[in-house]
């Protein structure tokens, strides 16, 4: 999985440049607030392993209008630092590295 250049934002963390992207439209599960918002990060110059971060917030485009806060560059920088500490090597090839920061996320119950 690679982070496309279109719609991606650049961020510099500890002297290294990364590119990150949040889906504009939520997935079906995110739209129903069954799963939290996620975003992807990769090294800007030598993409290798993609970092996939699961937040503790619903996607802003959810169908229930459930309140969410935006993903800020400071949140992305902190996630990159946590992932690097946990062993993420952004320039090494391999499967996506998942960082789960969804503690505290609650789903929306559908009325019957």
PDB file of N, CA and C in Angstrom:
ATOM      1  N   UNK A   1       0.847  -1.156   0.000  1.00  0.00           N
ATOM      2  CA  UNK A   1       0.000   0.000   0.000  1.00  0.00           C
ATOM      3  C   UNK A   1       0.899   1.228   0.000  1.00  0.00           C
ATOM      4  N   UNK A   2       0.697   2.115  -0.919  1.00  0.00           N
ATOM      5  CA  UNK A   2       1.475   3.347  -0.988  1.00  0.00           C
ATOM      6  C   UNK A   2       0.551   4.532  -0.791  1.00  0.00           C
ATOM      7  N   UNK A   3       1.102   5.590  -0.257  1.00  0.00           N
ATOM      8  CA  UNK A   3       0.351   6.822  -0.062  1.00  0.00           C
ATOM      9  C   UNK A   3       0.481   7.619  -1.353  1.00  0.00           C
ATOM     10  N   UNK A   4      -0.622   7.868  -2.016  1.00  0.00           N
ATOM     11  CA  UNK A   4      -0.579   8.633  -3.258  1.00  0.00           C
ATOM     12  C   UNK A   4      -0.155  10.068  -3.003  1.00  0.00           C
ATOM     13  N   UNK A   5       0.455  10.663  -3.995  1.00  0.00           N
ATOM     14  CA  UNK A   5       0.918  12.045  -3.840  1.00  0.00           C
ATOM     15  C   UNK A   5      -0.238  13.033  -3.825  1.00  0.00           C
ATOM     16  N   UNK A   6      -1.279  12.744  -4.579  1.00  0.00           N
ATOM     17  CA  UNK A   6      -2.419  13.653  -4.647  1.00  0.00           C
ATOM     18  C   UNK A   6      -3.187  13.612  -3.328  1.00  0.00           C
ATOM     19  N   UNK A   7      -3.333  14.752  -2.707  1.00  0.00           N
ATOM     20  CA  UNK A   7      -4.048  14.850  -1.451  1.00  0.00           C
ATOM     21  C   UNK A   7      -3.214  14.530  -0.229  1.00  0.00           C
ATOM     22  N   UNK A   8      -1.946  14.168  -0.437  1.00  0.00           N
ATOM     23  CA  UNK A   8      -1.070  13.845   0.691  1.00  0.00           C
ATOM     24  C   UNK A   8      -0.428  15.116   1.236  1.00  0.00           C
ATOM     25  N   UNK A   9      -0.148  15.100   2.517  1.00  0.00           N
ATOM     26  CA  UNK A   9       0.509  16.231   3.159  1.00  0.00           C
ATOM     27  C   UNK A   9       1.904  15.808   3.600  1.00  0.00           C
ATOM     28  N   UNK A  10       2.818  16.761   3.586  1.00  0.00           N
ATOM     29  CA  UNK A  10       4.188  16.493   4.010  1.00  0.00           C
ATOM     30  C   UNK A  10       4.355  16.917   5.459  1.00  0.00           C
ATOM     31  N   UNK A  11       5.177  16.166   6.180  1.00  0.00           N
ATOM     32  CA  UNK A  11       5.483  16.496   7.564  1.00  0.00           C
ATOM     33  C   UNK A  11       6.931  16.091   7.832  1.00  0.00           C
ATOM     34  N   UNK A  12       7.625  16.896   8.605  1.00  0.00           N
ATOM     35  CA  UNK A  12       9.009  16.599   8.965  1.00  0.00           C
ATOM     36  C   UNK A  12       9.043  16.262  10.457  1.00  0.00           C
ATOM     37  N   UNK A  13       9.533  15.068  10.759  1.00  0.00           N
ATOM     38  CA  UNK A  13       9.643  14.607  12.145  1.00  0.00           C
ATOM     39  C   UNK A  13      11.084  14.175  12.384  1.00  0.00           C
ATOM     40  N   UNK A  14      11.715  14.783  13.354  1.00  0.00           N
ATOM     41  CA  UNK A  14      13.112  14.475  13.698  1.00  0.00           C
ATOM     42  C   UNK A  14      14.034  14.545  12.481  1.00  0.00           C
ATOM     43  N   UNK A  15      13.807  15.539  11.620  1.00  0.00           N
ATOM     44  CA  UNK A  15      14.667  15.751  10.461  1.00  0.00           C
ATOM     45  C   UNK A  15      14.366  14.886   9.251  1.00  0.00           C
ATOM     46  N   UNK A  16      13.356  14.017   9.341  1.00  0.00           N
ATOM     47  CA  UNK A  16      12.996  13.142   8.232  1.00  0.00           C
ATOM     48  C   UNK A  16      11.646  13.576   7.673  1.00  0.00           C
ATOM     49  N   UNK A  17      11.539  13.624   6.348  1.00  0.00           N
ATOM     50  CA  UNK A  17      10.298  14.045   5.704  1.00  0.00           C
ATOM     51  C   UNK A  17       9.434  12.836   5.388  1.00  0.00           C
ATOM     52  N   UNK A  18       8.171  12.935   5.763  1.00  0.00           N
ATOM     53  CA  UNK A  18       7.179  11.890   5.513  1.00  0.00           C
ATOM     54  C   UNK A  18       6.019  12.488   4.734  1.00  0.00           C
ATOM     55  N   UNK A  19       5.207  11.603   4.186  1.00  0.00           N
ATOM     56  CA  UNK A  19       3.988  11.994   3.481  1.00  0.00           C
ATOM     57  C   UNK A  19       2.849  11.231   4.153  1.00  0.00           C
ATOM     58  N   UNK A  20       1.758  11.920   4.493  1.00  0.00           N
ATOM     59  CA  UNK A  20       0.634  11.254   5.132  1.00  0.00           C
ATOM     60  C   UNK A  20      -0.680  11.654   4.462  1.00  0.00           C
ATOM     61  N   UNK A  21      -1.648  10.755   4.569  1.00  0.00           N
ATOM     62  CA  UNK A  21      -2.928  10.994   3.901  1.00  0.00           C
ATOM     63  C   UNK A  21      -4.057  10.342   4.683  1.00  0.00           C
ATOM     64  N   UNK A  22      -5.141  11.072   4.779  1.00  0.00           N
ATOM     65  CA  UNK A  22      -6.380  10.611   5.387  1.00  0.00           C
ATOM     66  C   UNK A  22      -7.410  10.473   4.272  1.00  0.00           C
ATOM     67  N   UNK A  23      -8.147   9.366   4.279  1.00  0.00           N
ATOM     68  CA  UNK A  23      -9.181   9.194   3.250  1.00  0.00           C
ATOM     69  C   UNK A  23     -10.179  10.342   3.303  1.00  0.00           C
ATOM     70  N   UNK A  24     -10.501  10.895   2.154  1.00  0.00           N
ATOM     71  CA  UNK A  24     -11.467  11.989   2.104  1.00  0.00           C
ATOM     72  C   UNK A  24     -12.856  11.505   2.490  1.00  0.00           C
ATOM     73  N   UNK A  25     -13.240  10.371   1.924  1.00  0.00           N
ATOM     74  CA  UNK A  25     -14.547   9.789   2.247  1.00  0.00           C
ATOM     75  C   UNK A  25     -14.341   8.576   3.142  1.00  0.00           C
ATOM     76  N   UNK A  26     -15.224   8.398   4.114  1.00  0.00           N
ATOM     77  CA  UNK A  26     -15.060   7.251   5.013  1.00  0.00           C
ATOM     78  C   UNK A  26     -15.403   5.937   4.323  1.00  0.00           C
ATOM     79  N   UNK A  27     -14.833   4.856   4.826  1.00  0.00           N
ATOM     80  CA  UNK A  27     -15.255   3.536   4.372  1.00  0.00           C
ATOM     81  C   UNK A  27     -16.673   3.314   4.906  1.00  0.00           C
ATOM     82  N   UNK A  28     -17.351   2.275   4.444  1.00  0.00           N
ATOM     83  CA  UNK A  28     -18.707   1.992   4.906  1.00  0.00           C
ATOM     84  C   UNK A  28     -18.734   1.812   6.429  1.00  0.00           C
ATOM     85  N   UNK A  29     -17.787   1.065   6.935  1.00  0.00           N
ATOM     86  CA  UNK A  29     -17.709   0.816   8.377  1.00  0.00           C
ATOM     87  C   UNK A  29     -17.433   2.103   9.156  1.00  0.00           C
ATOM     88  N   UNK A  30     -16.603   2.970   8.616  1.00  0.00           N
ATOM     89  CA  UNK A  30     -16.325   4.246   9.266  1.00  0.00           C
ATOM     90  C   UNK A  30     -17.529   5.176   9.186  1.00  0.00           C
ATOM     91  N   UNK A  31     -18.250   5.139   8.074  1.00  0.00           N
ATOM     92  CA  UNK A  31     -19.429   5.991   7.907  1.00  0.00           C
ATOM     93  C   UNK A  31     -20.507   5.642   8.927  1.00  0.00           C
ATOM     94  N   UNK A  32     -20.598   4.363   9.266  1.00  0.00           N
ATOM     95  CA  UNK A  32     -21.574   3.918  10.266  1.00  0.00           C
ATOM     96  C   UNK A  32     -21.021   4.019  11.689  1.00  0.00           C
ATOM     97  N   UNK A  33     -19.823   4.522  11.829  1.00  0.00           N
ATOM     98  CA  UNK A  33     -19.071   4.654  13.082  1.00  0.00           C
ATOM     99  C   UNK A  33     -18.885   3.319  13.793  1.00  0.00           C
ATOM    100  N   UNK A  34     -18.748   2.267  13.016  1.00  0.00           N
ATOM    101  CA  UNK A  34     -18.420   0.947  13.561  1.00  0.00           C
ATOM    102  C   UNK A  34     -16.913   0.811  13.765  1.00  0.00           C
ATOM    103  N   UNK A  35     -16.151   1.557  12.991  1.00  0.00           N
ATOM    104  CA  UNK A  35     -14.695   1.519  13.129  1.00  0.00           C
ATOM    105  C   UNK A  35     -14.168   2.951  13.104  1.00  0.00           C
ATOM    106  N   UNK A  36     -13.025   3.177  13.738  1.00  0.00           N
ATOM    107  CA  UNK A  36     -12.471   4.533  13.819  1.00  0.00           C
ATOM    108  C   UNK A  36     -11.761   4.965  12.539  1.00  0.00           C
ATOM    109  N   UNK A  37     -11.437   6.232  12.521  1.00  0.00           N
ATOM    110  CA  UNK A  37     -10.717   6.847  11.415  1.00  0.00           C
ATOM    111  C   UNK A  37      -9.282   6.314  11.363  1.00  0.00           C
ATOM    112  N   UNK A  38      -8.763   6.130  10.162  1.00  0.00           N
ATOM    113  CA  UNK A  38      -7.384   5.701   9.977  1.00  0.00           C
ATOM    114  C   UNK A  38      -6.690   6.624   8.970  1.00  0.00           C
ATOM    115  N   UNK A  39      -5.382   6.654   9.035  1.00  0.00           N
ATOM    116  CA  UNK A  39      -4.605   7.378   8.033  1.00  0.00           C
ATOM    117  C   UNK A  39      -3.301   6.637   7.792  1.00  0.00           C
ATOM    118  N   UNK A  40      -2.664   6.946   6.671  1.00  0.00           N
ATOM    119  CA  UNK A  40      -1.442   6.250   6.271  1.00  0.00           C
ATOM    120  C   UNK A  40      -0.285   7.234   6.184  1.00  0.00           C
ATOM    121  N   UNK A  41       0.906   6.737   6.512  1.00  0.00           N
ATOM    122  CA  UNK A  41       2.129   7.546   6.495  1.00  0.00           C
ATOM    123  C   UNK A  41       3.221   6.745   5.798  1.00  0.00           C
ATOM    124  N   UNK A  42       4.052   7.419   5.006  1.00  0.00           N
ATOM    125  CA  UNK A  42       5.221   6.767   4.416  1.00  0.00           C
ATOM    126  C   UNK A  42       6.360   7.768   4.305  1.00  0.00           C
ATOM    127  N   UNK A  43       7.569   7.256   4.150  1.00  0.00           N
ATOM    128  CA  UNK A  43       8.749   8.088   3.948  1.00  0.00           C
ATOM    129  C   UNK A  43       8.570   8.807   2.615  1.00  0.00           C
ATOM    130  N   UNK A  44       8.868  10.097   2.573  1.00  0.00           N
ATOM    131  CA  UNK A  44       8.610  10.883   1.365  1.00  0.00           C
ATOM    132  C   UNK A  44       9.574  10.587   0.226  1.00  0.00           C
ATOM    133  N   UNK A  45      10.827  10.277   0.539  1.00  0.00           N
ATOM    134  CA  UNK A  45      11.833  10.113  -0.507  1.00  0.00           C
ATOM    135  C   UNK A  45      12.096   8.664  -0.894  1.00  0.00           C
ATOM    136  N   UNK A  46      11.995   7.752   0.051  1.00  0.00           N
ATOM    137  CA  UNK A  46      12.285   6.344  -0.213  1.00  0.00           C
ATOM    138  C   UNK A  46      11.187   5.474   0.405  1.00  0.00           C
ATOM    139  N   UNK A  47       9.984   5.497  -0.182  1.00  0.00           N
ATOM    140  CA  UNK A  47       8.883   4.748   0.413  1.00  0.00           C
ATOM    141  C   UNK A  47       9.190   3.256   0.533  1.00  0.00           C
ATOM    142  N   UNK A  48       8.895   2.719   1.671  1.00  0.00           N
ATOM    143  CA  UNK A  48       9.086   1.295   1.939  1.00  0.00           C
ATOM    144  C   UNK A  48       7.838   0.772   2.616  1.00  0.00           C
ATOM    145  N   UNK A  49       7.926   0.536   3.909  1.00  0.00           N
ATOM    146  CA  UNK A  49       6.796   0.057   4.691  1.00  0.00           C
ATOM    147  C   UNK A  49       5.877   1.225   5.036  1.00  0.00           C
ATOM    148  N   UNK A  50       4.598   1.053   4.774  1.00  0.00           N
ATOM    149  CA  UNK A  50       3.606   2.076   5.093  1.00  0.00           C
ATOM    150  C   UNK A  50       3.143   1.913   6.531  1.00  0.00           C
ATOM    151  N   UNK A  51       3.020   3.019   7.227  1.00  0.00           N
ATOM    152  CA  UNK A  51       2.480   3.039   8.580  1.00  0.00           C
ATOM    153  C   UNK A  51       0.981   3.314   8.478  1.00  0.00           C
ATOM    154  N   UNK A  52       0.156   2.456   9.068  1.00  0.00           N
ATOM    155  CA  UNK A  52      -1.294   2.658   9.100  1.00  0.00           C
ATOM    156  C   UNK A  52      -1.678   2.914  10.553  1.00  0.00           C
ATOM    157  N   UNK A  53      -2.200   4.100  10.815  1.00  0.00           N
ATOM    158  CA  UNK A  53      -2.544   4.510  12.174  1.00  0.00           C
ATOM    159  C   UNK A  53      -4.061   4.487  12.341  1.00  0.00           C
ATOM    160  N   UNK A  54      -4.517   3.785  13.366  1.00  0.00           N
ATOM    161  CA  UNK A  54      -5.930   3.763  13.723  1.00  0.00           C
ATOM    162  C   UNK A  54      -6.116   4.724  14.890  1.00  0.00           C
ATOM    163  N   UNK A  55      -6.963   5.732  14.701  1.00  0.00           N
ATOM    164  CA  UNK A  55      -7.179   6.746  15.732  1.00  0.00           C
ATOM    165  C   UNK A  55      -8.276   6.316  16.700  1.00  0.00           C
ATOM    166  N   UNK A  56      -8.542   7.162  17.670  1.00  0.00           N
ATOM    167  CA  UNK A  56      -9.625   6.896  18.616  1.00  0.00           C
ATOM    168  C   UNK A  56     -10.846   7.757  18.316  1.00  0.00           C
ATOM    169  N   UNK A  57     -10.902   8.307  17.092  1.00  0.00           N
ATOM    170  CA  UNK A  57     -11.985   9.199  16.690  1.00  0.00           C
ATOM    171  C   UNK A  57     -12.772   8.618  15.523  1.00  0.00           C
ATOM    172  N   UNK A  58     -14.061   8.958  15.425  1.00  0.00           N
ATOM    173  CA  UNK A  58     -14.798   8.572  14.215  1.00  0.00           C
ATOM    174  C   UNK A  58     -14.327   9.442  13.045  1.00  0.00           C
ATOM    175  N   UNK A  59     -14.543   8.964  11.833  1.00  0.00           N
ATOM    176  CA  UNK A  59     -14.203   9.749  10.644  1.00  0.00           C
ATOM    177  C   UNK A  59     -15.117  10.972  10.611  1.00  0.00           C
ATOM    178  N   UNK A  60     -14.577  12.108  10.213  1.00  0.00           N
ATOM    179  CA  UNK A  60     -15.364  13.347  10.191  1.00  0.00           C
ATOM    180  C   UNK A  60     -16.555  13.264   9.239  1.00  0.00           C
ATOM    181  N   UNK A  61     -16.482  12.397   8.223  1.00  0.00           N
ATOM    182  CA  UNK A  61     -17.558  12.258   7.256  1.00  0.00           C
ATOM    183  C   UNK A  61     -18.562  11.172   7.609  1.00  0.00           C
ATOM    184  N   UNK A  62     -18.658  10.796   8.890  1.00  0.00           N
ATOM    185  CA  UNK A  62     -19.593   9.726   9.248  1.00  0.00           C
ATOM    186  C   UNK A  62     -21.039  10.166   9.010  1.00  0.00           C
ATOM    187  N   UNK A  63     -21.916   9.204   8.775  1.00  0.00           N
ATOM    188  CA  UNK A  63     -23.302   9.477   8.385  1.00  0.00           C
ATOM    189  C   UNK A  63     -24.195   9.870   9.547  1.00  0.00           C
ATOM    190  N   UNK A  64     -23.739   9.687  10.763  1.00  0.00           N
ATOM    191  CA  UNK A  64     -24.555   9.997  11.928  1.00  0.00           C
ATOM    192  C   UNK A  64     -24.284  11.391  12.475  1.00  0.00           C
ATOM    193  N   UNK A  65     -23.320  12.081  11.906  1.00  0.00           N
ATOM    194  CA  UNK A  65     -22.972  13.406  12.390  1.00  0.00           C
ATOM    195  C   UNK A  65     -22.299  13.350  13.751  1.00  0.00           C
ATOM    196  N   UNK A  66     -21.736  12.188  14.058  1.00  0.00           N
ATOM    197  CA  UNK A  66     -21.051  12.034  15.340  1.00  0.00           C
ATOM    198  C   UNK A  66     -19.839  12.950  15.370  1.00  0.00           C
ATOM    199  N   UNK A  67     -19.718  13.693  16.436  1.00  0.00           N
ATOM    200  CA  UNK A  67     -18.657  14.679  16.551  1.00  0.00           C
ATOM    201  C   UNK A  67     -17.280  14.021  16.586  1.00  0.00           C
ATOM    202  N   UNK A  68     -16.364  14.621  15.864  1.00  0.00           N
ATOM    203  CA  UNK A  68     -14.988  14.137  15.835  1.00  0.00           C
ATOM    204  C   UNK A  68     -14.056  15.330  15.751  1.00  0.00           C
ATOM    205  N   UNK A  69     -12.842  15.118  16.181  1.00  0.00           N
ATOM    206  CA  UNK A  69     -11.848  16.188  16.051  1.00  0.00           C
ATOM    207  C   UNK A  69     -10.987  15.891  14.831  1.00  0.00           C
ATOM    208  N   UNK A  70     -10.444  16.912  14.214  1.00  0.00           N
ATOM    209  CA  UNK A  70      -9.598  16.665  13.035  1.00  0.00           C
ATOM    210  C   UNK A  70      -8.276  16.010  13.422  1.00  0.00           C
ATOM    211  N   UNK A  71      -7.675  15.322  12.455  1.00  0.00           N
ATOM    212  CA  UNK A  71      -6.343  14.756  12.652  1.00  0.00           C
ATOM    213  C   UNK A  71      -5.357  15.890  12.393  1.00  0.00           C
ATOM    214  N   UNK A  72      -4.643  16.261  13.415  1.00  0.00           N
ATOM    215  CA  UNK A  72      -3.700  17.375  13.333  1.00  0.00           C
ATOM    216  C   UNK A  72      -2.295  16.879  13.008  1.00  0.00           C
ATOM    217  N   UNK A  73      -1.477  17.723  12.394  1.00  0.00           N
ATOM    218  CA  UNK A  73      -0.094  17.340  12.135  1.00  0.00           C
ATOM    219  C   UNK A  73       0.644  16.924  13.413  1.00  0.00           C
ATOM    220  N   UNK A  74       0.307  17.531  14.532  1.00  0.00           N
ATOM    221  CA  UNK A  74       0.952  17.140  15.794  1.00  0.00           C
ATOM    222  C   UNK A  74       0.575  15.707  16.178  1.00  0.00           C
ATOM    223  N   UNK A  75      -0.662  15.295  15.874  1.00  0.00           N
ATOM    224  CA  UNK A  75      -1.079  13.907  16.116  1.00  0.00           C
ATOM    225  C   UNK A  75      -0.289  12.946  15.235  1.00  0.00           C
ATOM    226  N   UNK A  76      -0.106  13.335  13.980  1.00  0.00           N
ATOM    227  CA  UNK A  76       0.642  12.502  13.029  1.00  0.00           C
ATOM    228  C   UNK A  76       2.104  12.390  13.472  1.00  0.00           C
ATOM    229  N   UNK A  77       2.691  13.504  13.885  1.00  0.00           N
ATOM    230  CA  UNK A  77       4.086  13.494  14.336  1.00  0.00           C
ATOM    231  C   UNK A  77       4.253  12.580  15.547  1.00  0.00           C
ATOM    232  N   UNK A  78       3.324  12.647  16.487  1.00  0.00           N
ATOM    233  CA  UNK A  78       3.404  11.792  17.680  1.00  0.00           C
ATOM    234  C   UNK A  78       3.264  10.320  17.292  1.00  0.00           C
ATOM    235  N   UNK A  79       2.364  10.021  16.353  1.00  0.00           N
ATOM    236  CA  UNK A  79       2.185   8.636  15.899  1.00  0.00           C
ATOM    237  C   UNK A  79       3.439   8.115  15.208  1.00  0.00           C
ATOM    238  N   UNK A  80       4.083   8.961  14.425  1.00  0.00           N
ATOM    239  CA  UNK A  80       5.324   8.557  13.755  1.00  0.00           C
ATOM    240  C   UNK A  80       6.395   8.240  14.799  1.00  0.00           C
ATOM    241  N   UNK A  81       6.512   9.086  15.799  1.00  0.00           N
ATOM    242  CA  UNK A  81       7.502   8.845  16.857  1.00  0.00           C
ATOM    243  C   UNK A  81       7.198   7.549  17.611  1.00  0.00           C
ATOM    244  N   UNK A  82       5.913   7.294  17.922  1.00  0.00           N
ATOM    245  CA  UNK A  82       5.532   6.060  18.611  1.00  0.00           C
ATOM    246  C   UNK A  82       5.846   4.838  17.751  1.00  0.00           C
ATOM    247  N   UNK A  83       5.534   4.927  16.457  1.00  0.00           N
ATOM    248  CA  UNK A  83       5.780   3.804  15.546  1.00  0.00           C
ATOM    249  C   UNK A  83       7.273   3.534  15.406  1.00  0.00           C
ATOM    250  N   UNK A  84       8.065   4.580  15.313  1.00  0.00           N
ATOM    251  CA  UNK A  84       9.523   4.396  15.208  1.00  0.00           C
ATOM    252  C   UNK A  84      10.058   3.707  16.457  1.00  0.00           C
ATOM    253  N   UNK A  85       9.540   4.103  17.619  1.00  0.00           N
ATOM    254  CA  UNK A  85       9.931   3.481  18.882  1.00  0.00           C
ATOM    255  C   UNK A  85       9.501   2.009  18.923  1.00  0.00           C
ATOM    256  N   UNK A  86       8.345   1.719  18.311  1.00  0.00           N
ATOM    257  CA  UNK A  86       7.809   0.352  18.302  1.00  0.00           C
ATOM    258  C   UNK A  86       8.448  -0.530  17.232  1.00  0.00           C
ATOM    259  N   UNK A  87       9.333   0.037  16.407  1.00  0.00           N
ATOM    260  CA  UNK A  87      10.050  -0.785  15.436  1.00  0.00           C
ATOM    261  C   UNK A  87       9.728  -0.546  13.974  1.00  0.00           C
ATOM    262  N   UNK A  88       8.947   0.480  13.657  1.00  0.00           N
ATOM    263  CA  UNK A  88       8.632   0.769  12.249  1.00  0.00           C
ATOM    264  C   UNK A  88       9.885   1.294  11.549  1.00  0.00           C
ATOM    265  N   UNK A  89      10.216   0.671  10.417  1.00  0.00           N
ATOM    266  CA  UNK A  89      11.343   1.101   9.580  1.00  0.00           C
ATOM    267  C   UNK A  89      10.755   1.593   8.259  1.00  0.00           C
ATOM    268  N   UNK A  90      10.580   2.902   8.101  1.00  0.00           N
ATOM    269  CA  UNK A  90       9.862   3.441   6.945  1.00  0.00           C
ATOM    270  C   UNK A  90      10.508   3.198   5.586  1.00  0.00           C
ATOM    271  N   UNK A  91      11.812   2.964   5.532  1.00  0.00           N
ATOM    272  CA  UNK A  91      12.458   2.753   4.230  1.00  0.00           C
ATOM    273  C   UNK A  91      12.668   1.282   3.902  1.00  0.00           C
ATOM    274  N   UNK A  92      12.376   0.410   4.847  1.00  0.00           N
ATOM    275  CA  UNK A  92      12.538  -1.032   4.614  1.00  0.00           C
ATOM    276  C   UNK A  92      11.296  -1.593   3.940  1.00  0.00           C
ATOM    277  N   UNK A  93      11.449  -2.505   2.978  1.00  0.00           N
ATOM    278  CA  UNK A  93      10.274  -3.107   2.354  1.00  0.00           C
ATOM    279  C   UNK A  93       9.574  -4.047   3.331  1.00  0.00           C
ATOM    280  N   UNK A  94       8.301  -4.245   3.106  1.00  0.00           N
ATOM    281  CA  UNK A  94       7.559  -5.158   3.960  1.00  0.00           C
ATOM    282  C   UNK A  94       6.090  -4.810   4.023  1.00  0.00           C
ATOM    283  N   UNK A  95       5.340  -5.592   4.789  1.00  0.00           N
ATOM    284  CA  UNK A  95       3.901  -5.344   4.908  1.00  0.00           C
ATOM    285  C   UNK A  95       3.643  -4.075   5.719  1.00  0.00           C
ATOM    286  N   UNK A  96       2.436  -3.515   5.628  1.00  0.00           N
ATOM    287  CA  UNK A  96       2.117  -2.312   6.400  1.00  0.00           C
ATOM    288  C   UNK A  96       2.334  -2.531   7.901  1.00  0.00           C
ATOM    289  N   UNK A  97       2.797  -1.507   8.562  1.00  0.00           N
ATOM    290  CA  UNK A  97       3.004  -1.521  10.007  1.00  0.00           C
ATOM    291  C   UNK A  97       1.790  -0.846  10.628  1.00  0.00           C
ATOM    292  N   UNK A  98       1.066  -1.550  11.481  1.00  0.00           N
ATOM    293  CA  UNK A  98      -0.158  -1.021  12.077  1.00  0.00           C
ATOM    294  C   UNK A  98       0.116  -0.481  13.478  1.00  0.00           C
ATOM    295  N   UNK A  99      -0.317   0.748  13.709  1.00  0.00           N
ATOM    296  CA  UNK A  99      -0.223   1.373  15.022  1.00  0.00           C
ATOM    297  C   UNK A  99      -1.646   1.636  15.492  1.00  0.00           C
ATOM    298  N   UNK A 100      -2.052   0.938  16.534  1.00  0.00           N
ATOM    299  CA  UNK A 100      -3.424   1.046  17.045  1.00  0.00           C
ATOM    300  C   UNK A 100      -3.477   2.038  18.194  1.00  0.00           C
ATOM    301  N   UNK A 101      -4.114   3.179  17.942  1.00  0.00           N
ATOM    302  CA  UNK A 101      -4.298   4.203  18.965  1.00  0.00           C
ATOM    303  C   UNK A 101      -5.785   4.396  19.239  1.00  0.00           C
ATOM    304  N   UNK A 102      -6.556   3.308  19.074  1.00  0.00           N
ATOM    305  CA  UNK A 102      -8.016   3.397  19.159  1.00  0.00           C
ATOM    306  C   UNK A 102      -8.583   3.158  20.554  1.00  0.00           C
ATOM    307  N   UNK A 103      -7.737   3.104  21.572  1.00  0.00           N
ATOM    308  CA  UNK A 103      -8.245   2.906  22.941  1.00  0.00           C
ATOM    309  C   UNK A 103      -9.245   4.006  23.275  1.00  0.00           C
ATOM    310  N   UNK A 104     -10.414   3.617  23.713  1.00  0.00           N
ATOM    311  CA  UNK A 104     -11.449   4.594  24.072  1.00  0.00           C
ATOM    312  C   UNK A 104     -12.475   4.834  22.984  1.00  0.00           C
ATOM    313  N   UNK A 105     -12.269   4.270  21.778  1.00  0.00           N
ATOM    314  CA  UNK A 105     -13.247   4.460  20.707  1.00  0.00           C
ATOM    315  C   UNK A 105     -14.489   3.634  21.001  1.00  0.00           C
ATOM    316  N   UNK A 106     -15.656   4.248  20.849  1.00  0.00           N
ATOM    317  CA  UNK A 106     -16.919   3.528  21.032  1.00  0.00           C
ATOM    318  C   UNK A 106     -17.710   3.573  19.738  1.00  0.00           C
ATOM    319  N   UNK A 107     -18.382   2.480  19.426  1.00  0.00           N
ATOM    320  CA  UNK A 107     -19.178   2.408  18.206  1.00  0.00           C
ATOM    321  C   UNK A 107     -20.567   2.960  18.460  1.00  0.00           C
ATOM    322  N   UNK A 108     -21.273   3.254  17.378  1.00  0.00           N
ATOM    323  CA  UNK A 108     -22.644   3.724  17.472  1.00  0.00           C
ATOM    324  C   UNK A 108     -23.578   2.544  17.267  1.00  0.00           C
ATOM    325  N   UNK A 109     -24.518   2.405  18.155  1.00  0.00           N
ATOM    326  CA  UNK A 109     -25.510   1.341  18.028  1.00  0.00           C
ATOM    327  C   UNK A 109     -26.587   1.786  17.051  1.00  0.00           C
ATOM    328  N   UNK A 110     -27.012   0.873  16.182  1.00  0.00           N
ATOM    329  CA  UNK A 110     -28.074   1.168  15.232  1.00  0.00           C
ATOM    330  C   UNK A 110     -29.409   0.805  15.886  1.00  0.00           C
ATOM    331  N   UNK A 111     -30.352   1.766  15.947  1.00  0.00           N
ATOM    332  CA  UNK A 111     -31.650   1.452  16.552  1.00  0.00           C
ATOM    333  C   UNK A 111     -32.417   0.445  15.710  1.00  0.00           C
ATOM    334  N   UNK A 112     -33.118  -0.434  16.367  1.00  0.00           N
ATOM    335  CA  UNK A 112     -33.893  -1.453  15.650  1.00  0.00           C
ATOM    336  C   UNK A 112     -35.356  -1.178  15.752  1.00  0.00           C
TER     337      UNK A 112
END
